Amino acid sequence: MPSGPQWDQALRDVALWIIESGTRSPEGVAPIVQAGHPALRTVATPYDGQLSDEELTALLDVMHRTMRAAPGVGLAAPQLGLPVAIAVLEDPGTVLEEHAQVREREPLPYRVLVNPRYTPVGDERAAFYEGCLSVVGYQAVVARARHVHLTGTDESGAAVDEIVGGWSARIVQHETDHLAGTLYLDRAELRSLAATDDFGARWAAEPTPAAAARALGFGLD
C-alpha cells in the first residue's frame, strides 16, 4: 500500500477534484468509476486527516448526493476513484412487506464509516441478489454473514463498535469490501449472474433467489 507525504498529497488532489466535480455538476454529483478502474482493486489507504475538516465535509456531501442520485444504498470512496477508507451508507428500506421481512431489511439512516472493519458473528449466512454502482448492468447472488461486528470511526472520529444484522449488515460488508479492493462479484455465485434488463430484473424482484437458483442451476447457502 503506498504511503508517505507525497501519496497523501496525491489523495488530497483526487479528493479536491471530486469536490470540484460536484460543484460543476447541476446535481452536485461526481462520476462513479466502473470495474476495471485501479482504485476498485486497491487496498484503500486508512483515513488519517489527509483532508481539512472543511474538505472532508465537502467530500462527504458529494459522496452522499452521488449515492442518492445513482440511486444506491452505499458508496465507498474508491468508487469515485479515491482509494481512501471512507464509505457512506443510507437505505430507505422497502415498502414491500414480504421483502422487508424475508430480507430483514429495515431503514438505515445516513451514516459515514471511516476505516471500517467487520467480522462475521456466528455461522448464519443469507444469500440474496446484489448489484453495484461500479458494475452497472449486472446482478448476482452473494451469500453473506447475517450478522457482523463492525468497528471503525465516524466522520467526527467517534468510535464505532456494534453488531449489525440483516440487510444493513449486507450493505456494511459490500461497502467495506470495496475498501479492501474486493468487488461483490468476487464473492458471488457466478451461475446466478444476470443482466438488469427486463428479464433479469425479475430475479432480484423475488423476495428470495430460490426461483433463480432452480432456473439457473446454482445452490443457496
Protein backbone atom coordinates (compact mmCIF):
# COMPACT_ATOMS: atom_id res chain seq x y z
CA MET A 1 0.00 0.00 0.00
CA PRO A 2 1.51 3.39 -0.97
CA SER A 3 2.21 5.80 1.88
CA GLY A 4 4.08 8.95 2.78
CA PRO A 5 3.59 12.69 2.30
CA GLN A 6 3.60 12.55 -1.49
CA TRP A 7 0.90 9.86 -1.52
CA ASP A 8 -1.20 11.80 0.99
CA GLN A 9 -0.95 14.87 -1.25
CA ALA A 10 -1.95 12.79 -4.27
CA LEU A 11 -5.00 11.53 -2.39
CA ARG A 12 -5.91 15.07 -1.38
CA ASP A 13 -5.62 16.19 -5.01
CA VAL A 14 -8.05 13.48 -6.09
CA ALA A 15 -10.45 14.40 -3.27
CA LEU A 16 -10.36 18.06 -4.30
CA TRP A 17 -11.06 17.06 -7.90
CA ILE A 18 -14.10 15.08 -6.73
CA ILE A 19 -15.32 18.07 -4.72
CA GLU A 20 -14.80 20.32 -7.73
CA SER A 21 -16.68 17.84 -9.93
CA GLY A 22 -19.57 18.10 -7.51
CA THR A 23 -19.63 21.88 -7.75
CA ARG A 24 -19.65 21.74 -11.57
CA SER A 25 -22.46 19.19 -11.77
CA PRO A 26 -26.02 20.55 -11.74
CA GLU A 27 -26.94 17.67 -9.41
CA GLY A 28 -23.87 18.15 -7.24
CA VAL A 29 -22.57 14.66 -8.00
CA ALA A 30 -19.27 13.14 -9.11
CA PRO A 31 -18.65 10.37 -11.69
CA ILE A 32 -18.73 6.80 -10.38
CA VAL A 33 -15.87 4.70 -11.75
CA GLN A 34 -16.57 1.25 -13.19
CA ALA A 35 -14.96 -2.18 -12.88
CA GLY A 36 -11.52 -2.03 -14.43
CA HIS A 37 -10.54 1.17 -12.63
CA PRO A 38 -7.44 0.54 -10.47
CA ALA A 39 -8.97 2.31 -7.45
CA LEU A 40 -11.51 -0.52 -7.19
CA ARG A 41 -8.72 -3.08 -6.90
CA THR A 42 -6.52 -1.17 -4.47
CA VAL A 43 -6.46 -1.66 -0.71
CA ALA A 44 -7.65 1.75 0.45
CA THR A 45 -5.33 3.95 2.47
CA PRO A 46 -6.58 4.46 6.04
CA TYR A 47 -8.02 7.95 6.52
CA ASP A 48 -5.74 9.85 8.87
CA GLY A 49 -6.55 13.51 8.43
CA GLN A 50 -5.35 13.86 4.84
CA LEU A 51 -8.10 16.47 4.38
CA SER A 52 -9.08 19.51 6.39
CA ASP A 53 -12.37 19.35 8.26
CA GLU A 54 -13.97 21.55 5.61
CA GLU A 55 -12.63 19.41 2.76
CA LEU A 56 -13.81 16.21 4.42
CA THR A 57 -17.29 17.66 4.90
CA ALA A 58 -17.41 18.73 1.26
CA LEU A 59 -16.24 15.31 0.08
CA LEU A 60 -18.86 13.53 2.18
CA ASP A 61 -21.55 15.83 0.84
CA VAL A 62 -20.62 14.92 -2.74
CA MET A 63 -20.50 11.22 -1.86
CA HIS A 64 -23.92 11.40 -0.22
CA ARG A 65 -25.51 13.21 -3.16
CA THR A 66 -23.88 10.86 -5.66
CA MET A 67 -25.10 7.79 -3.79
CA ARG A 68 -28.66 9.11 -3.63
CA ALA A 69 -28.72 10.22 -7.26
CA ALA A 70 -27.42 6.88 -8.60
CA PRO A 71 -29.53 5.64 -6.69
CA GLY A 72 -27.79 3.34 -4.24
CA VAL A 73 -27.68 2.42 -0.57
CA GLY A 74 -23.93 2.78 -0.15
CA LEU A 75 -20.90 4.35 -1.78
CA ALA A 76 -17.22 3.88 -0.98
CA ALA A 77 -14.60 6.50 -1.79
CA PRO A 78 -12.78 4.14 -4.22
CA GLN A 79 -15.95 4.16 -6.34
CA LEU A 80 -15.17 7.81 -7.06
CA GLY A 81 -11.56 6.94 -7.85
CA LEU A 82 -10.30 7.84 -4.36
CA PRO A 83 -8.60 4.89 -2.61
CA VAL A 84 -9.22 6.10 0.94
CA ALA A 85 -11.06 4.09 3.59
CA ILE A 86 -14.29 6.07 3.77
CA ALA A 87 -17.83 4.99 2.89
CA VAL A 88 -21.32 6.44 3.17
CA LEU A 89 -24.43 4.33 3.75
CA GLU A 90 -28.15 5.03 3.66
CA ASP A 91 -31.09 2.75 2.94
CA PRO A 92 -34.70 3.96 2.91
CA GLY A 93 -35.84 0.34 3.15
CA THR A 94 -38.63 -1.20 1.08
CA VAL A 95 -42.38 -0.74 1.00
CA LEU A 96 -42.85 -4.44 0.15
CA GLU A 97 -43.68 -6.14 3.42
CA GLU A 98 -42.64 -9.63 2.33
CA HIS A 99 -39.27 -8.38 1.06
CA ALA A 100 -38.68 -6.44 4.27
CA GLN A 101 -39.42 -9.49 6.40
CA VAL A 102 -37.55 -12.10 4.38
CA ARG A 103 -34.51 -9.90 3.77
CA GLU A 104 -34.57 -8.36 7.26
CA ARG A 105 -34.47 -5.01 5.57
CA GLU A 106 -35.13 -2.04 7.80
CA PRO A 107 -34.38 1.61 7.00
CA LEU A 108 -30.76 2.55 7.63
CA PRO A 109 -30.28 6.24 8.45
CA TYR A 110 -27.44 8.05 6.70
CA ARG A 111 -24.09 7.34 8.27
CA VAL A 112 -20.39 7.62 7.49
CA LEU A 113 -17.84 4.88 8.13
CA VAL A 114 -14.16 5.73 8.39
CA ASN A 115 -11.57 2.94 8.40
CA PRO A 116 -14.27 0.30 8.96
CA ARG A 117 -13.65 -3.37 9.53
CA TYR A 118 -16.08 -6.22 10.04
CA THR A 119 -16.00 -9.78 11.27
CA PRO A 120 -18.85 -12.30 11.00
CA VAL A 121 -20.84 -13.04 14.14
CA GLY A 122 -21.91 -16.67 14.21
CA ASP A 123 -22.22 -19.01 11.25
CA GLU A 124 -25.54 -17.85 9.80
CA ARG A 125 -25.42 -16.67 6.21
CA ALA A 126 -28.05 -15.24 3.90
CA ALA A 127 -27.97 -15.35 0.10
CA PHE A 128 -29.63 -12.62 -1.95
CA TYR A 129 -29.11 -10.76 -5.20
CA GLU A 130 -26.79 -7.75 -5.08
CA GLY A 131 -25.80 -5.11 -7.57
CA CYS A 132 -23.11 -2.45 -7.55
CA LEU A 133 -22.90 1.11 -8.79
CA SER A 134 -19.45 0.24 -10.18
CA VAL A 135 -20.65 -2.83 -12.08
CA VAL A 136 -23.57 -1.33 -13.95
CA GLY A 137 -25.98 -3.64 -15.72
CA TYR A 138 -25.46 -6.83 -13.73
CA GLN A 139 -26.50 -8.51 -10.51
CA ALA A 140 -25.60 -11.77 -8.77
CA VAL A 141 -26.35 -13.72 -5.61
CA VAL A 142 -23.92 -13.29 -2.74
CA ALA A 143 -24.06 -15.33 0.47
CA ARG A 144 -23.02 -13.06 3.33
CA ALA A 145 -22.88 -13.22 7.10
CA ARG A 146 -26.27 -12.45 8.60
CA HIS A 147 -24.66 -10.51 11.46
CA VAL A 148 -21.30 -8.75 11.64
CA HIS A 149 -19.24 -6.97 14.26
CA LEU A 150 -18.47 -3.53 12.82
CA THR A 151 -15.62 -1.39 14.10
CA GLY A 152 -14.05 1.88 12.95
CA THR A 153 -14.98 5.52 13.46
CA ASP A 154 -17.48 8.00 12.10
CA GLU A 155 -16.61 11.26 10.36
CA SER A 156 -16.07 13.04 13.68
CA GLY A 157 -13.63 10.43 14.93
CA ALA A 158 -16.10 8.85 17.36
CA ALA A 159 -15.58 5.12 17.77
CA VAL A 160 -17.91 2.67 16.04
CA ASP A 161 -18.20 -0.72 17.74
CA GLU A 162 -21.51 -2.51 17.16
CA ILE A 163 -23.31 -5.58 15.90
CA VAL A 164 -25.16 -5.04 12.62
CA GLY A 165 -27.68 -7.51 11.25
CA GLY A 166 -29.94 -8.22 8.31
CA TRP A 167 -29.82 -6.16 5.14
CA SER A 168 -27.82 -3.42 6.87
CA ALA A 169 -25.09 -6.00 7.57
CA ARG A 170 -25.06 -6.80 3.86
CA ILE A 171 -24.56 -3.13 3.00
CA VAL A 172 -21.76 -2.83 5.56
CA GLN A 173 -20.00 -5.86 4.11
CA HIS A 174 -20.42 -4.74 0.50
CA GLU A 175 -19.05 -1.23 1.11
CA THR A 176 -16.26 -2.31 3.46
CA ASP A 177 -15.18 -4.91 0.89
CA HIS A 178 -14.70 -2.04 -1.58
CA LEU A 179 -12.07 -0.64 0.78
CA ALA A 180 -10.13 -3.90 0.52
CA GLY A 181 -10.20 -3.86 -3.29
CA THR A 182 -12.94 -6.51 -3.41
CA LEU A 183 -16.00 -6.36 -5.66
CA TYR A 184 -19.19 -8.25 -4.87
CA LEU A 185 -18.57 -10.44 -7.93
CA ASP A 186 -15.51 -11.85 -6.18
CA ARG A 187 -17.87 -13.38 -3.60
CA ALA A 188 -20.82 -14.12 -5.88
CA GLU A 189 -22.34 -17.35 -7.13
CA LEU A 190 -21.43 -16.76 -10.75
CA ARG A 191 -24.14 -19.04 -12.16
CA SER A 192 -26.62 -16.54 -10.71
CA LEU A 193 -25.16 -13.65 -12.73
CA ALA A 194 -27.94 -11.85 -14.56
CA ALA A 195 -28.31 -8.65 -16.52
CA THR A 196 -30.56 -5.97 -15.07
CA ASP A 197 -32.71 -5.92 -18.20
CA ASP A 198 -36.43 -6.65 -18.10
CA PHE A 199 -35.85 -10.40 -17.96
CA GLY A 200 -33.02 -10.45 -15.45
CA ALA A 201 -34.65 -7.89 -13.18
CA ARG A 202 -37.37 -10.35 -12.28
CA TRP A 203 -34.90 -12.47 -10.32
CA ALA A 204 -33.96 -9.62 -7.99
CA ALA A 205 -37.64 -8.70 -7.69
CA GLU A 206 -38.36 -12.02 -5.96
CA PRO A 207 -38.18 -11.96 -2.13
CA THR A 208 -35.53 -14.71 -2.28
CA PRO A 209 -33.39 -16.07 -5.14
CA ALA A 210 -34.97 -19.53 -4.90
CA ALA A 211 -36.61 -19.34 -8.33
CA ALA A 212 -33.38 -18.10 -9.91
CA ALA A 213 -31.47 -20.93 -8.25
CA ARG A 214 -33.80 -23.51 -9.80
CA ALA A 215 -33.80 -21.90 -13.23
CA LEU A 216 -30.10 -21.09 -13.45
CA GLY A 217 -28.76 -24.11 -11.61
CA PHE A 218 -26.97 -22.87 -8.53
CA GLY A 219 -27.18 -23.67 -4.83
CA LEU A 220 -28.06 -21.42 -1.91
CA ASP A 221 -26.17 -21.46 1.38
